[in-house]
């Protein structure tokens, strides 16, 4: 059985949200990488072993839908979960239509966030 990475990439430009997610994910045993821009996220996805992407839609150099489309051109399996401040159905439809696995809205319900993360990238047992 191949062990998967347990590193979550958080693509988010808000520093408070980055820190909150870092603390919560690290407490639960996940590794954590952060990208504040679409370009940085794309580079990290291509260079590192990432288990899952938490993706905000509004980024300084584009949007999450564009990034999701780019990733899906070379990786159809990487789980991508949008985490957005917008609950508009149009944004949800665009995100899921470009290949995202799930769409969650802020403020995050932590039980739903971790159930969704665990569904797509459960932590592998160590040892």
Protein backbone atom coordinates (compact mmCIF):
# COMPACT_ATOMS: atom_id res chain seq x y z
CA UNK A 1 0.00 0.00 0.00
CA UNK A 2 1.37 3.41 -0.97
CA UNK A 3 1.42 5.97 1.82
CA UNK A 4 0.02 9.34 0.84
CA UNK A 5 1.27 12.66 2.05
CA UNK A 6 -0.64 14.26 4.91
CA UNK A 7 0.29 17.80 3.87
CA UNK A 8 -2.56 20.23 3.32
CA UNK A 9 -1.88 23.26 1.13
CA UNK A 10 -3.86 26.30 2.24
CA UNK A 11 -4.25 28.79 -0.62
CA UNK A 12 -5.37 31.89 1.23
CA UNK A 13 -4.16 35.48 1.28
CA UNK A 14 -5.69 36.42 4.66
CA UNK A 15 -3.00 35.98 7.34
CA UNK A 16 -5.46 35.38 10.19
CA UNK A 17 -7.21 32.61 8.25
CA UNK A 18 -3.85 31.08 7.33
CA UNK A 19 -2.80 30.99 10.98
CA UNK A 20 -6.13 29.61 12.20
CA UNK A 21 -6.02 26.78 9.67
CA UNK A 22 -2.36 26.07 10.41
CA UNK A 23 -3.03 25.67 14.13
CA UNK A 24 -6.15 23.54 13.64
CA UNK A 25 -4.59 21.25 11.04
CA UNK A 26 -1.29 20.81 12.87
CA UNK A 27 -3.15 19.95 16.09
CA UNK A 28 -4.79 17.10 14.20
CA UNK A 29 -1.54 15.76 12.77
CA UNK A 30 -1.60 17.25 9.28
CA UNK A 31 1.42 18.89 7.72
CA UNK A 32 0.78 22.42 6.49
CA UNK A 33 1.94 24.53 3.57
CA UNK A 34 0.60 27.95 2.70
CA UNK A 35 0.41 29.99 -0.48
CA UNK A 36 -0.91 33.53 -0.59
CA UNK A 37 -1.15 33.73 -4.37
CA UNK A 38 -2.27 31.57 -7.27
CA UNK A 39 1.28 31.49 -8.68
CA UNK A 40 2.80 30.31 -5.39
CA UNK A 41 0.11 27.65 -5.03
CA UNK A 42 0.69 26.29 -8.52
CA UNK A 43 4.45 26.09 -7.87
CA UNK A 44 3.97 24.25 -4.55
CA UNK A 45 1.48 21.79 -6.06
CA UNK A 46 3.96 20.94 -8.79
CA UNK A 47 7.01 20.75 -6.50
CA UNK A 48 5.74 19.16 -3.28
CA UNK A 49 3.78 16.13 -2.28
CA UNK A 50 0.42 17.62 -1.33
CA UNK A 51 -2.48 15.53 0.00
CA UNK A 52 -5.22 18.15 -0.34
CA UNK A 53 -5.74 21.80 -1.25
CA UNK A 54 -7.93 24.23 0.72
CA UNK A 55 -8.59 26.97 -1.81
CA UNK A 56 -9.98 30.46 -1.36
CA UNK A 57 -11.53 31.88 -4.51
CA UNK A 58 -10.37 35.50 -4.21
CA UNK A 59 -6.60 35.79 -4.56
CA UNK A 60 -4.40 38.80 -5.34
CA UNK A 61 -3.29 37.39 -8.71
CA UNK A 62 -6.46 35.69 -9.91
CA UNK A 63 -9.09 33.40 -8.55
CA UNK A 64 -9.40 29.88 -7.27
CA UNK A 65 -11.49 28.71 -10.20
CA UNK A 66 -8.63 29.56 -12.57
CA UNK A 67 -6.15 27.73 -10.33
CA UNK A 68 -8.41 24.69 -10.05
CA UNK A 69 -8.66 24.51 -13.85
CA UNK A 70 -4.87 24.74 -14.18
CA UNK A 71 -4.32 21.96 -11.63
CA UNK A 72 -6.87 19.70 -13.29
CA UNK A 73 -4.90 19.92 -16.54
CA UNK A 74 -2.09 17.87 -14.97
CA UNK A 75 -3.63 16.32 -11.82
CA UNK A 76 -7.16 14.95 -11.86
CA UNK A 77 -6.85 13.19 -8.47
CA UNK A 78 -5.62 15.90 -6.07
CA UNK A 79 -8.52 16.75 -3.73
CA UNK A 80 -9.45 20.44 -3.91
CA UNK A 81 -11.82 21.95 -1.38
CA UNK A 82 -12.95 25.53 -1.89
CA UNK A 83 -13.23 27.55 1.31
CA UNK A 84 -15.00 30.77 0.40
CA UNK A 85 -16.58 33.75 2.09
CA UNK A 86 -19.24 33.76 -0.61
CA UNK A 87 -22.31 31.58 -0.34
CA UNK A 88 -23.54 32.54 -3.83
CA UNK A 89 -24.77 29.53 -5.76
CA UNK A 90 -23.05 30.84 -8.91
CA UNK A 91 -19.64 30.72 -7.21
CA UNK A 92 -20.32 27.23 -5.85
CA UNK A 93 -21.37 26.03 -9.31
CA UNK A 94 -18.24 27.46 -10.95
CA UNK A 95 -15.98 25.87 -8.32
CA UNK A 96 -17.53 22.44 -8.61
CA UNK A 97 -17.76 22.77 -12.39
CA UNK A 98 -14.01 23.32 -12.73
CA UNK A 99 -13.21 20.12 -10.86
CA UNK A 100 -13.30 20.95 -7.15
CA UNK A 101 -14.32 18.12 -4.85
CA UNK A 102 -16.22 20.25 -2.33
CA UNK A 103 -17.24 23.82 -1.53
CA UNK A 104 -17.41 25.11 2.05
CA UNK A 105 -18.38 28.61 3.16
CA UNK A 106 -16.83 30.84 5.80
CA UNK A 107 -17.27 31.07 8.69
CA UNK A 108 -16.27 27.42 8.78
CA UNK A 109 -18.08 24.84 10.84
CA UNK A 110 -15.04 22.93 12.10
CA UNK A 111 -16.80 19.56 12.28
CA UNK A 112 -17.79 19.87 8.62
CA UNK A 113 -14.33 21.12 7.63
CA UNK A 114 -12.56 18.16 9.23
CA UNK A 115 -15.11 15.61 8.05
CA UNK A 116 -14.59 16.89 4.51
CA UNK A 117 -10.79 16.91 4.80
CA UNK A 118 -10.79 13.40 6.29
CA UNK A 119 -13.06 12.12 3.51
CA UNK A 120 -10.50 13.13 0.87
CA UNK A 121 -7.16 12.94 2.72
CA UNK A 122 -7.26 10.79 5.84
CA UNK A 123 -4.06 10.84 7.86
CA UNK A 124 -2.02 7.69 7.38
CA UNK A 125 -0.96 5.83 10.50
CA UNK A 126 2.65 6.42 11.39
CA UNK A 127 5.00 3.78 12.67
